[in-house]
């Protein structure tokens, strides 16, 4: 059970409008538990929405690259909640196969064959940022052969944003969504 109880319907009108903005049109399920917990503080939720929606809906990275980064960050932080939400929805829409999704939870060496060179560079960068909070010149150079400066800036923000989301979901003990993809057991 989440440390802060998510809102349950019926929602106040303003919260209902905000939650609908957070979900894709026609979503077949209730707003995400994380969103319903965040709306215990509507001001914070509103500020978070701007960055999160911007990264997902208006980013410069190809969707598959974005989802590889998100899957790797959430796997490395042990955030089964966010990994499962993306694996069940946006990662599949972006073209990640079940094998590739599972590979985001494994050591890079074990999963190297599943990736194009640019994707391997992404995984290495996420791992290095996770382990050291820095990116070496070697890591930067590996990325810069595939991405423009604006995309590299977005990549760094995306990585940090999903680490923040992972801290939030993990710190709140948010349980995986029933419809989410289960996090692979090792």
Protein backbone atom coordinates (compact mmCIF):
# COMPACT_ATOMS: atom_id res chain seq x y z
CA UNK A 1 0.00 0.00 0.00
CA UNK A 2 1.25 3.47 -0.88
CA UNK A 3 2.53 5.57 1.99
CA UNK A 4 0.21 8.35 0.79
CA UNK A 5 -3.22 7.14 -0.25
CA UNK A 6 -4.09 7.92 -3.89
CA UNK A 7 -7.21 9.94 -4.56
CA UNK A 8 -10.26 7.88 -5.47
CA UNK A 9 -13.26 8.94 -7.56
CA UNK A 10 -15.31 10.98 -7.59
CA UNK A 11 -12.60 13.62 -7.93
CA UNK A 12 -13.17 17.33 -7.43
CA UNK A 13 -13.78 18.96 -10.85
CA UNK A 14 -10.36 20.63 -11.05
CA UNK A 15 -8.55 17.41 -10.12
CA UNK A 16 -10.65 15.42 -12.59
CA UNK A 17 -9.66 17.82 -15.40
CA UNK A 18 -6.00 17.67 -14.38
CA UNK A 19 -5.95 13.87 -14.17
CA UNK A 20 -7.54 13.60 -17.61
CA UNK A 21 -4.76 15.81 -18.99
CA UNK A 22 -2.19 13.41 -17.53
CA UNK A 23 -3.70 10.37 -19.26
CA UNK A 24 -3.80 9.65 -23.00
CA UNK A 25 -7.23 10.14 -24.61
CA UNK A 26 -9.31 6.98 -24.37
CA UNK A 27 -7.05 5.29 -21.80
CA UNK A 28 -8.78 2.04 -20.76
CA UNK A 29 -7.98 2.41 -17.06
CA UNK A 30 -8.13 4.86 -14.18
CA UNK A 31 -5.45 7.54 -13.94
CA UNK A 32 -2.16 6.10 -12.71
CA UNK A 33 -1.77 5.60 -8.99
CA UNK A 34 1.30 7.85 -9.06
CA UNK A 35 -0.74 10.67 -10.62
CA UNK A 36 -3.53 10.23 -8.08
CA UNK A 37 -1.03 10.40 -5.22
CA UNK A 38 0.66 13.46 -6.70
CA UNK A 39 -2.67 15.25 -6.84
CA UNK A 40 -2.70 15.27 -3.04
CA UNK A 41 -0.48 18.30 -3.79
CA UNK A 42 -2.04 19.84 -6.94
CA UNK A 43 0.53 22.64 -7.17
CA UNK A 44 3.43 20.20 -7.22
CA UNK A 45 1.58 17.93 -9.65
CA UNK A 46 1.01 20.87 -11.99
CA UNK A 47 4.69 21.80 -11.99
CA UNK A 48 5.71 18.19 -12.61
CA UNK A 49 3.23 17.81 -15.45
CA UNK A 50 4.91 20.46 -17.56
CA UNK A 51 8.28 18.71 -17.66
CA UNK A 52 6.96 15.15 -17.84
CA UNK A 53 4.50 15.88 -20.64
CA UNK A 54 7.12 17.88 -22.50
CA UNK A 55 9.62 15.04 -22.42
CA UNK A 56 7.07 12.44 -23.52
CA UNK A 57 5.10 14.40 -26.07
CA UNK A 58 7.45 16.99 -27.48
CA UNK A 59 10.93 15.58 -27.18
CA UNK A 60 13.64 15.49 -29.81
CA UNK A 61 14.78 11.94 -29.16
CA UNK A 62 13.20 9.15 -31.21
CA UNK A 63 10.46 7.45 -29.17
CA UNK A 64 12.32 4.14 -29.05
CA UNK A 65 15.46 5.85 -27.73
CA UNK A 66 13.44 7.72 -25.11
CA UNK A 67 11.81 4.49 -23.94
CA UNK A 68 15.13 2.64 -23.78
CA UNK A 69 16.44 5.38 -21.49
CA UNK A 70 13.32 5.32 -19.32
CA UNK A 71 13.34 1.53 -19.07
CA UNK A 72 17.02 1.45 -18.14
CA UNK A 73 16.78 4.24 -15.56
CA UNK A 74 13.75 2.67 -13.90
CA UNK A 75 15.33 -0.79 -13.99
CA UNK A 76 18.58 0.47 -12.46
CA UNK A 77 16.68 2.27 -9.69
CA UNK A 78 14.58 -0.84 -9.04
CA UNK A 79 11.38 1.03 -9.84
CA UNK A 80 9.13 -1.83 -10.92
CA UNK A 81 6.14 0.53 -10.88
CA UNK A 82 7.36 2.97 -13.54
CA UNK A 83 9.19 0.30 -15.55
CA UNK A 84 5.95 -1.72 -15.76
CA UNK A 85 3.81 1.25 -16.79
CA UNK A 86 6.13 2.17 -19.64
CA UNK A 87 6.75 -1.44 -20.67
CA UNK A 88 2.99 -2.03 -20.99
CA UNK A 89 2.28 1.11 -22.97
CA UNK A 90 4.76 3.59 -24.40
CA UNK A 91 7.70 1.21 -24.85
CA UNK A 92 5.63 -1.19 -26.94
CA UNK A 93 4.19 1.70 -28.95
CA UNK A 94 7.73 2.91 -29.59
CA UNK A 95 8.70 -0.50 -30.98
CA UNK A 96 10.60 -2.16 -28.15
CA UNK A 97 10.22 -5.92 -28.22
CA UNK A 98 9.58 -7.96 -25.06
CA UNK A 99 13.16 -9.25 -25.34
CA UNK A 100 14.56 -5.72 -25.50
CA UNK A 101 12.45 -4.62 -22.56
CA UNK A 102 13.73 -7.53 -20.51
CA UNK A 103 17.28 -6.69 -21.61
CA UNK A 104 16.95 -3.23 -20.02
CA UNK A 105 16.84 -5.03 -16.66
CA UNK A 106 20.01 -7.05 -17.30
CA UNK A 107 23.66 -6.13 -17.24
CA UNK A 108 24.68 -4.43 -20.45
CA UNK A 109 27.20 -7.13 -21.34
CA UNK A 110 24.52 -9.82 -21.08
CA UNK A 111 22.15 -7.90 -23.34
CA UNK A 112 24.56 -6.24 -25.80
CA UNK A 113 23.39 -8.23 -28.83
CA UNK A 114 19.86 -6.80 -28.53
CA UNK A 115 20.95 -3.23 -29.30
CA UNK A 116 21.96 -1.03 -32.19
CA UNK A 117 25.19 0.92 -31.53
CA UNK A 118 23.30 4.12 -30.64
CA UNK A 119 21.13 2.18 -28.19
CA UNK A 120 24.16 0.53 -26.61
CA UNK A 121 25.63 4.03 -26.15
CA UNK A 122 22.41 5.11 -24.43
CA UNK A 123 22.51 2.15 -22.05
CA UNK A 124 26.16 2.78 -21.24
CA UNK A 125 25.43 6.46 -20.57
CA UNK A 126 22.49 5.69 -18.29
CA UNK A 127 24.59 3.15 -16.40
CA UNK A 128 27.47 5.59 -16.01
CA UNK A 129 25.16 8.39 -14.85
CA UNK A 130 23.46 6.02 -12.43
CA UNK A 131 26.74 4.76 -10.98
CA UNK A 132 28.71 8.03 -10.86
CA UNK A 133 26.33 10.97 -11.50
CA UNK A 134 28.79 11.94 -14.25
CA UNK A 135 29.37 11.19 -17.90
CA UNK A 136 32.93 10.58 -19.07
CA UNK A 137 34.33 12.03 -22.25
CA UNK A 138 34.27 8.51 -23.70
CA UNK A 139 30.54 8.21 -22.93
CA UNK A 140 29.83 11.68 -24.30
CA UNK A 141 31.75 10.96 -27.49
CA UNK A 142 29.89 7.66 -27.98
CA UNK A 143 26.57 9.51 -27.74
CA UNK A 144 27.59 12.51 -29.82
CA UNK A 145 28.23 10.33 -32.86
CA UNK A 146 24.49 9.58 -32.89
CA UNK A 147 22.81 12.66 -31.41
CA UNK A 148 22.81 16.43 -31.83
CA UNK A 149 23.52 18.77 -28.91
CA UNK A 150 19.82 19.52 -28.31
CA UNK A 151 19.10 15.79 -28.09
CA UNK A 152 22.02 15.26 -25.70
CA UNK A 153 20.66 17.96 -23.39
CA UNK A 154 17.27 16.27 -23.50
CA UNK A 155 18.85 12.89 -22.77
CA UNK A 156 20.48 14.20 -19.60
CA UNK A 157 17.22 15.80 -18.42
CA UNK A 158 15.25 12.65 -19.30
CA UNK A 159 17.65 10.48 -17.33
CA UNK A 160 17.45 12.72 -14.29
CA UNK A 161 13.68 13.12 -14.56
CA UNK A 162 13.03 9.39 -14.50
CA UNK A 163 15.43 8.95 -11.62
CA UNK A 164 13.31 11.52 -9.79
CA UNK A 165 10.10 9.70 -10.76
CA UNK A 166 11.67 6.44 -9.57
CA UNK A 167 12.61 7.98 -6.22
CA UNK A 168 9.06 9.22 -5.86
CA UNK A 169 7.39 5.89 -6.69
CA UNK A 170 9.88 3.87 -4.64
CA UNK A 171 9.80 6.26 -1.69
CA UNK A 172 6.00 6.15 -1.62
CA UNK A 173 5.97 2.33 -1.96
CA UNK A 174 3.56 2.59 -4.87
CA UNK A 175 2.45 -0.86 -5.96
CA UNK A 176 2.64 -1.88 -9.60
CA UNK A 177 -0.43 -1.14 -11.71
CA UNK A 178 -2.50 -4.30 -12.27
CA UNK A 179 -2.32 -3.84 -16.03
CA UNK A 180 1.40 -3.00 -16.05
CA UNK A 181 4.05 -5.37 -17.30
CA UNK A 182 5.51 -7.29 -14.35
CA UNK A 183 9.13 -6.47 -13.64
CA UNK A 184 11.26 -9.49 -14.60
CA UNK A 185 12.60 -11.58 -11.77
CA UNK A 186 16.29 -12.22 -11.91
